[in-house]
Amino acid sequence: MILPCEVAVKSVVPAVRALLATRLVEKNGLKQDEVAQILGISQSAVSRYTRKSRGHVIKVSDVDGIRPLIIKMTALLLDGEYQGQEFLTYFCQTCALVRKSSLMCPFCRKMDPKVEIQQCRFCLDHDLPAGKR
């Protein structure tokens, strides 16, 4: 059995990190080592994210509603007074939007060939917890 969160760790999380890293470098003018420190990753990881050699297995940037969440997360990271709960809420909302877009379905199937994508509607049918929308 494959869990949606397992698939998200390999596809969605790197894609969101890539969006955050790219935004911090390109829109906010930070250096890669500064972004690495903010995100808690290596400078080489930031470089791979911004060069699109990592974190681009799926294209999450076009999913409706993602852009405002990336902007909010970036603002929290830049604020210096990082609010963990708020950031995590936005990150989970981002992941939920990606799940609802069906972008993860091919990866679920690849990770577990027994998954019948046409019959699996878990990600499509499960909303965010109340108060997190």
Protein backbone atom coordinates (compact mmCIF):
# COMPACT_ATOMS: atom_id res chain seq x y z
CA MET A 1 0.00 0.00 0.00
CA ILE A 2 1.32 3.42 -0.94
CA LEU A 3 0.34 6.49 1.04
CA PRO A 4 -0.25 9.81 -0.75
CA CYS A 5 2.16 11.52 1.65
CA GLU A 6 4.92 9.12 0.57
CA VAL A 7 4.42 10.15 -3.03
CA ALA A 8 4.28 13.80 -2.02
CA VAL A 9 7.64 13.55 -0.25
CA LYS A 10 9.27 12.44 -3.49
CA SER A 11 7.41 14.76 -5.87
CA VAL A 12 5.50 17.62 -4.27
CA VAL A 13 7.87 18.62 -1.45
CA PRO A 14 10.86 19.04 -3.79
CA ALA A 15 8.68 20.94 -6.28
CA VAL A 16 7.50 23.36 -3.58
CA ARG A 17 11.04 23.79 -2.27
CA ALA A 18 12.13 24.56 -5.83
CA LEU A 19 9.44 27.25 -6.11
CA LEU A 20 10.45 28.75 -2.77
CA ALA A 21 14.17 28.67 -3.58
CA THR A 22 13.64 30.18 -7.02
CA ARG A 23 11.40 32.92 -5.66
CA LEU A 24 13.86 33.80 -2.89
CA VAL A 25 16.74 34.01 -5.39
CA GLU A 26 15.03 35.59 -8.39
CA LYS A 27 12.31 37.78 -6.87
CA ASN A 28 13.94 38.67 -3.57
CA GLY A 29 17.57 38.86 -4.70
CA LEU A 30 18.98 36.54 -2.07
CA LYS A 31 22.18 34.61 -2.66
CA GLN A 32 22.04 30.84 -2.84
CA ASP A 33 23.85 30.39 0.46
CA GLU A 34 21.33 32.71 2.16
CA VAL A 35 18.44 30.73 0.71
CA ALA A 36 20.09 27.49 1.78
CA GLN A 37 20.30 28.74 5.35
CA ILE A 38 16.67 29.91 5.34
CA LEU A 39 15.37 26.62 3.92
CA GLY A 40 17.72 24.43 5.94
CA ILE A 41 19.23 22.80 2.86
CA SER A 42 22.62 22.92 1.15
CA GLN A 43 23.71 25.64 -1.27
CA SER A 44 24.16 22.97 -3.93
CA ALA A 45 20.52 21.90 -3.44
CA VAL A 46 19.43 25.52 -3.97
CA SER A 47 21.56 25.62 -7.11
CA ARG A 48 19.92 22.44 -8.44
CA TYR A 49 16.46 23.79 -7.62
CA THR A 50 17.08 27.09 -9.41
CA ARG A 51 18.71 25.36 -12.42
CA LYS A 52 15.69 23.05 -12.59
CA SER A 53 17.73 19.88 -12.22
CA ARG A 54 15.93 19.02 -8.97
CA GLY A 55 12.35 19.49 -7.85
CA HIS A 56 10.79 19.58 -11.28
CA VAL A 57 9.44 16.04 -11.63
CA ILE A 58 5.99 17.58 -11.57
CA LYS A 59 5.07 21.14 -12.44
CA VAL A 60 3.10 22.49 -9.51
CA SER A 61 3.46 26.18 -10.35
CA ASP A 62 0.41 26.11 -12.64
CA VAL A 63 -1.94 24.58 -10.06
CA ASP A 64 -4.71 27.04 -9.17
CA GLY A 65 -4.12 28.66 -5.81
CA ILE A 66 -0.43 27.71 -5.46
CA ARG A 67 1.07 31.12 -6.24
CA PRO A 68 -0.53 32.98 -3.30
CA LEU A 69 0.58 30.22 -0.91
CA ILE A 70 4.17 30.37 -2.20
CA ILE A 71 4.12 34.16 -1.75
CA LYS A 72 2.83 33.80 1.83
CA MET A 73 5.42 31.14 2.69
CA THR A 74 8.20 33.26 1.18
CA ALA A 75 7.08 36.27 3.22
CA LEU A 76 7.13 34.18 6.42
CA LEU A 77 10.62 32.90 5.63
CA LEU A 78 11.89 36.43 4.93
CA ASP A 79 10.22 37.93 7.98
CA GLY A 80 12.90 36.62 10.30
CA GLU A 81 10.24 35.72 12.82
CA TYR A 82 9.46 32.37 11.27
CA GLN A 83 6.06 31.17 12.37
CA GLY A 84 6.27 27.38 12.14
CA GLN A 85 2.59 26.56 12.50
CA GLU A 86 1.50 29.14 9.95
CA PHE A 87 4.19 28.05 7.47
CA LEU A 88 3.29 24.39 7.90
CA THR A 89 -0.38 25.18 7.36
CA TYR A 90 0.41 26.91 4.06
CA PHE A 91 2.72 24.07 3.04
CA CYS A 92 0.04 21.46 3.75
CA GLN A 93 -2.52 23.54 1.85
CA THR A 94 -0.12 23.63 -1.10
CA CYS A 95 0.28 19.87 -1.02
CA ALA A 96 -3.50 19.39 -0.81
CA LEU A 97 -4.01 21.58 -3.88
CA VAL A 98 -1.48 19.52 -5.80
CA ARG A 99 -3.16 16.27 -4.71
CA LYS A 100 -6.53 17.58 -5.88
CA SER A 101 -5.03 18.45 -9.27
CA SER A 102 -4.29 14.73 -9.95
CA LEU A 103 -0.64 15.49 -10.69
CA MET A 104 0.48 12.82 -8.22
CA CYS A 105 -1.61 10.00 -9.73
CA PRO A 106 1.03 8.75 -12.19
CA PHE A 107 3.60 8.71 -9.38
CA CYS A 108 1.30 6.71 -7.12
CA ARG A 109 0.90 4.18 -9.92
CA LYS A 110 4.64 4.07 -10.55
CA MET A 111 5.41 3.52 -6.86
CA ASP A 112 2.70 0.88 -6.46
CA PRO A 113 1.62 -0.81 -9.72
CA LYS A 114 -1.41 -2.29 -7.92
CA VAL A 115 -2.95 1.18 -7.61
CA GLU A 116 -5.91 1.56 -9.94
CA ILE A 117 -5.82 5.27 -10.69
CA GLN A 118 -9.32 5.31 -12.16
CA GLN A 119 -10.76 3.87 -8.95
CA CYS A 120 -8.54 5.67 -6.47
CA ARG A 121 -10.15 8.98 -5.62
CA PHE A 122 -8.59 9.53 -2.21
CA CYS A 123 -6.75 12.75 -3.08
CA LEU A 124 -9.70 14.09 -5.04
CA ASP A 125 -12.29 13.32 -2.40
CA HIS A 126 -10.48 14.42 0.78
CA ASP A 127 -10.56 18.08 1.68
CA LEU A 128 -8.31 19.94 4.05
CA PRO A 129 -9.28 19.73 7.71
CA ALA A 130 -11.88 22.29 8.80
CA GLY A 131 -10.39 25.72 9.43
CA LYS A 132 -7.40 25.07 7.15
CA ARG A 133 -8.94 26.12 3.83
